[in-house]
Amino acid sequence: LKPALGCYGDSFAKTPHTDRLARRGVLFEAAYCNQAVCSPSRNALMTGLRPQTLGIYELSTNFRKAAPDAVTLAQHFRQQG
């Protein structure tokens, strides 16, 4: 999927603020996710564990029931102060 944004070459899209942000920051040319479904992908991002390791493959799986001992990035930051 290619985003419909000027910074990615879409000549029809009018996205001046996003384009400016892309010029000043980082523009990702290639991005990958662990799972095509959003919830397992977010859980993988927040824990550093693959969906296969967490046992989460779909939206209906409760994160804390599937992986009660998994430490999220936010929890790690909180523990480190």
Foldseek 3Di string as FASTA:
>chain_A
DQDCDVCSPNPVDDDVVVNVVCVVDPDDPDDDFLAPEPPQRVVCVFQVDHCVVQVDHYDPDDSCVSCVPGQTNVNVVVVVD
